């Protein structure tokens, strides 16, 4: 029976490859989100590149706007735009599902080819076993990993830190900086035309004084 399954090696290899990619992507995304959730417990000293980037963006936004009015929206946008290289989390999640569908499609192609060659019905059983086993494992993994739930926990953790801890630290740092180095007072410079008028008025006054002195000495 298994020999009939390997009678079409290209179909079998592609079938197993797509199914394996589907499983690996689900496990990878679950592991990455799990690491991020654990790191949020120690956000103040985390060395995780993604979380440090989140803190840096929040600090820049806080400095430019004098605060962040809606922290939950900021976190929502940040989590939804998470990338690993050129691939986003959402893109990898959907590609995992598409890989599973491609694997099932290839299993159907293998069944059709087997029947077209006149092989008996028991020869197609390995394809059915692979399909049903893969679907069961796929949904079991999806339920155990619960990517949507992990993303929700990650958002809650980030909102809690940024709103209840990091915002206060940024405000205090800004107040300390203003206290140490208060803003300099600006000095208004006299316009050029006003200075010219003032110079002219001074020159006229000196000429009048010189004339008065000559009259007095004469």
Protein backbone atom coordinates (compact mmCIF):
# COMPACT_ATOMS: atom_id res chain seq x y z
CA UNK A 1 0.00 0.00 0.00
CA UNK A 2 2.81 2.43 0.84
CA UNK A 3 4.59 1.45 -2.36
CA UNK A 4 1.59 2.75 -4.33
CA UNK A 5 1.80 5.97 -2.28
CA UNK A 6 5.39 6.49 -3.46
CA UNK A 7 4.62 5.63 -7.07
CA UNK A 8 4.33 9.39 -7.70
CA UNK A 9 7.32 10.79 -5.79
CA UNK A 10 6.91 14.39 -6.94
CA UNK A 11 3.36 14.58 -5.67
CA UNK A 12 4.30 12.92 -2.40
CA UNK A 13 7.33 15.13 -1.78
CA UNK A 14 5.40 18.33 -2.47
CA UNK A 15 2.49 17.09 -0.36
CA UNK A 16 4.70 16.40 2.66
CA UNK A 17 6.68 19.62 2.13
CA UNK A 18 3.58 21.85 2.18
CA UNK A 19 2.16 20.05 5.21
CA UNK A 20 5.49 20.37 7.04
CA UNK A 21 5.73 24.10 6.24
CA UNK A 22 2.21 24.60 7.57
CA UNK A 23 3.04 22.92 10.89
CA UNK A 24 6.42 24.61 11.28
CA UNK A 25 5.00 28.10 10.70
CA UNK A 26 2.32 27.61 13.33
CA UNK A 27 4.86 26.37 15.87
CA UNK A 28 7.28 29.19 14.98
CA UNK A 29 4.68 31.94 15.43
CA UNK A 30 3.49 30.45 18.70
CA UNK A 31 7.07 30.25 20.03
CA UNK A 32 7.90 33.84 18.99
CA UNK A 33 4.79 35.31 20.57
CA UNK A 34 5.44 33.25 23.69
CA UNK A 35 8.95 34.74 23.98
CA UNK A 36 7.57 38.27 23.56
CA UNK A 37 4.97 37.69 26.26
CA UNK A 38 7.62 36.44 28.68
CA UNK A 39 9.89 39.40 27.90
CA UNK A 40 7.10 41.90 28.65
CA UNK A 41 7.33 40.83 32.28
CA UNK A 42 10.68 42.64 32.44
CA UNK A 43 10.24 45.44 29.90
CA UNK A 44 12.43 47.90 31.80
CA UNK A 45 15.61 45.92 31.13
CA UNK A 46 14.62 43.72 28.18
CA UNK A 47 17.14 43.12 25.43
CA UNK A 48 14.56 41.89 22.94
CA UNK A 49 14.93 43.88 19.71
CA UNK A 50 11.19 44.04 18.99
CA UNK A 51 10.25 45.29 22.45
CA UNK A 52 13.10 47.81 22.51
CA UNK A 53 11.84 49.11 19.18
CA UNK A 54 8.36 49.46 20.68
CA UNK A 55 9.74 51.50 23.59
CA UNK A 56 11.78 53.68 21.25
CA UNK A 57 8.80 54.46 19.01
CA UNK A 58 6.62 55.22 22.02
CA UNK A 59 9.24 57.57 23.48
CA UNK A 60 9.59 59.43 20.16
CA UNK A 61 5.82 59.76 19.81
CA UNK A 62 5.59 60.96 23.42
CA UNK A 63 8.28 63.60 22.87
CA UNK A 64 6.80 64.89 19.60
CA UNK A 65 3.19 65.12 20.77
CA UNK A 66 3.72 65.87 24.45
CA UNK A 67 2.19 62.53 25.38
CA UNK A 68 0.28 59.61 23.84
CA UNK A 69 -3.47 60.02 24.21
CA UNK A 70 -4.52 56.50 23.18
CA UNK A 71 -1.92 53.93 24.19
CA UNK A 72 -4.11 50.97 23.22
CA UNK A 73 -4.31 52.18 19.60
CA UNK A 74 -0.53 52.63 19.51
CA UNK A 75 0.00 49.07 20.77
CA UNK A 76 -2.64 47.67 18.40
CA UNK A 77 -0.88 49.20 15.40
CA UNK A 78 2.54 48.06 16.60
CA UNK A 79 1.50 44.42 17.16
CA UNK A 80 -0.38 44.21 13.86
CA UNK A 81 2.74 45.47 12.03
CA UNK A 82 5.15 42.97 13.60
CA UNK A 83 7.62 41.69 11.02
CA UNK A 84 10.28 39.01 10.95
CA UNK A 85 12.53 40.04 8.12
CA UNK A 86 10.36 40.75 5.07
CA UNK A 87 7.44 38.69 6.44
CA UNK A 88 4.70 39.94 8.74
CA UNK A 89 3.09 37.84 11.47
CA UNK A 90 -0.27 38.00 9.70
CA UNK A 91 1.35 37.01 6.40
CA UNK A 92 3.05 33.97 7.93
CA UNK A 93 -0.16 32.96 9.69
CA UNK A 94 -2.16 33.03 6.46
CA UNK A 95 0.61 31.31 4.50
CA UNK A 96 0.50 28.49 7.04
CA UNK A 97 -3.20 27.94 6.26
CA UNK A 98 -2.58 28.18 2.52
CA UNK A 99 0.18 25.58 2.75
CA UNK A 100 -2.22 23.18 4.44
CA UNK A 101 -4.78 23.72 1.66
CA UNK A 102 -2.11 23.14 -1.00
CA UNK A 103 -1.08 19.91 0.70
CA UNK A 104 -4.69 18.66 0.74
CA UNK A 105 -5.08 19.64 -2.92
CA UNK A 106 -1.98 17.64 -3.82
CA UNK A 107 -3.38 14.65 -1.93
CA UNK A 108 -6.50 14.90 -4.07
CA UNK A 109 -4.36 15.03 -7.20
CA UNK A 110 -2.52 11.91 -6.03
CA UNK A 111 -5.83 10.08 -5.47
CA UNK A 112 -7.08 11.03 -8.94
CA UNK A 113 -3.85 9.92 -10.62
CA UNK A 114 -3.88 6.63 -8.74
CA UNK A 115 -7.46 5.87 -9.74
CA UNK A 116 -6.78 6.92 -13.35
CA UNK A 117 -3.96 4.37 -13.58
CA UNK A 118 -6.39 1.61 -12.64
CA UNK A 119 -5.00 0.88 -9.16
CA UNK A 120 -7.45 -0.67 -6.67
CA UNK A 121 -9.19 1.49 -4.05
CA UNK A 122 -6.99 0.32 -1.12
CA UNK A 123 -4.04 1.96 -2.85
CA UNK A 124 -5.47 5.43 -2.18
CA UNK A 125 -5.84 4.86 1.56
CA UNK A 126 -2.40 6.38 2.39
CA UNK A 127 -3.53 9.68 0.89
CA UNK A 128 -6.66 9.71 3.04
CA UNK A 129 -4.65 8.80 6.12
CA UNK A 130 -2.17 11.64 5.45
CA UNK A 131 -4.97 14.16 4.86
CA UNK A 132 -7.03 13.29 7.92
CA UNK A 133 -3.97 12.98 10.15
CA UNK A 134 -2.61 16.32 8.95
CA UNK A 135 -5.94 18.10 9.46
CA UNK A 136 -6.27 16.71 12.97
CA UNK A 137 -2.71 17.74 13.87
CA UNK A 138 -3.14 21.17 12.27
CA UNK A 139 -6.27 22.05 14.21
CA UNK A 140 -4.84 20.55 17.41
CA UNK A 141 -1.73 22.72 17.07
CA UNK A 142 -3.80 25.82 16.26
CA UNK A 143 -5.94 25.26 19.35
CA UNK A 144 -2.96 24.59 21.62
CA UNK A 145 -0.91 27.54 20.36
CA UNK A 146 -3.90 29.94 20.19
CA UNK A 147 -2.18 32.72 18.24
CA UNK A 148 -5.12 35.11 18.62
CA UNK A 149 -5.07 34.64 22.38
CA UNK A 150 -1.32 35.16 22.58
CA UNK A 151 -1.56 38.37 20.57
CA UNK A 152 -4.28 39.60 22.91
CA UNK A 153 -2.12 38.87 25.98
CA UNK A 154 0.86 40.61 24.36
CA UNK A 155 -1.23 43.73 23.71
CA UNK A 156 -2.51 43.80 27.30
CA UNK A 157 1.03 43.48 28.67
CA UNK A 158 2.36 46.26 26.44
CA UNK A 159 -0.51 48.64 27.23
CA UNK A 160 -0.04 48.01 30.96
CA UNK A 161 3.68 48.80 30.84
CA UNK A 162 3.54 51.78 28.49
CA UNK A 163 0.54 53.44 30.13
CA UNK A 164 1.15 52.70 33.80
CA UNK A 165 4.96 52.72 34.00
CA UNK A 166 6.80 54.05 30.96
CA UNK A 167 4.60 57.15 30.47
CA UNK A 168 5.18 58.26 34.06
CA UNK A 169 8.93 57.76 33.66
CA UNK A 170 8.96 59.89 30.50
CA UNK A 171 6.95 62.66 32.17
CA UNK A 172 9.28 62.71 35.19
CA UNK A 173 12.35 62.80 32.94
CA UNK A 174 10.91 65.74 31.02
CA UNK A 175 10.16 67.65 34.24
CA UNK A 176 13.66 66.97 35.60
CA UNK A 177 15.22 68.20 32.36
CA UNK A 178 13.19 71.42 32.43
CA UNK A 179 14.10 71.97 36.07
CA UNK A 180 17.83 71.53 35.43
CA UNK A 181 17.95 73.49 32.17
CA UNK A 182 15.05 75.97 32.01
CA UNK A 183 14.23 77.41 28.59
CA UNK A 184 16.29 80.47 27.66
CA UNK A 185 14.61 83.84 27.40
CA UNK A 186 14.50 85.24 23.93
CA UNK A 187 15.73 88.78 23.29
CA UNK A 188 13.86 90.78 20.71
CA UNK A 189 16.23 92.58 18.40
CA UNK A 190 15.40 96.03 17.17
CA UNK A 191 14.50 96.08 13.47
CA UNK A 192 17.10 97.61 11.16
CA UNK A 193 14.90 100.46 10.01
CA UNK A 194 14.20 101.43 13.64
CA UNK A 195 17.93 101.47 14.39
CA UNK A 196 18.58 103.68 11.37
CA UNK A 197 15.92 106.12 12.51
CA UNK A 198 17.40 106.18 15.99
CA UNK A 199 20.91 106.83 14.57
CA UNK A 200 19.62 109.66 12.45
CA UNK A 201 17.91 111.27 15.43
CA UNK A 202 21.15 111.04 17.42
CA UNK A 203 23.14 112.71 14.63
CA UNK A 204 20.73 115.64 14.44
CA UNK A 205 21.00 116.15 18.17
CA UNK A 206 24.83 116.26 18.07
CA UNK A 207 24.79 118.90 15.30
CA UNK A 208 22.45 121.07 17.32
CA UNK A 209 24.70 120.73 20.38
CA UNK A 210 27.79 121.69 18.35
CA UNK A 211 26.06 124.80 17.04
CA UNK A 212 25.01 125.81 20.54
CA UNK A 213 28.58 125.40 21.83
CA UNK A 214 30.00 127.61 19.04
CA UNK A 215 27.49 130.35 19.83
CA UNK A 216 28.33 130.07 23.52
CA UNK A 217 32.12 130.28 22.98
CA UNK A 218 31.81 133.17 20.53
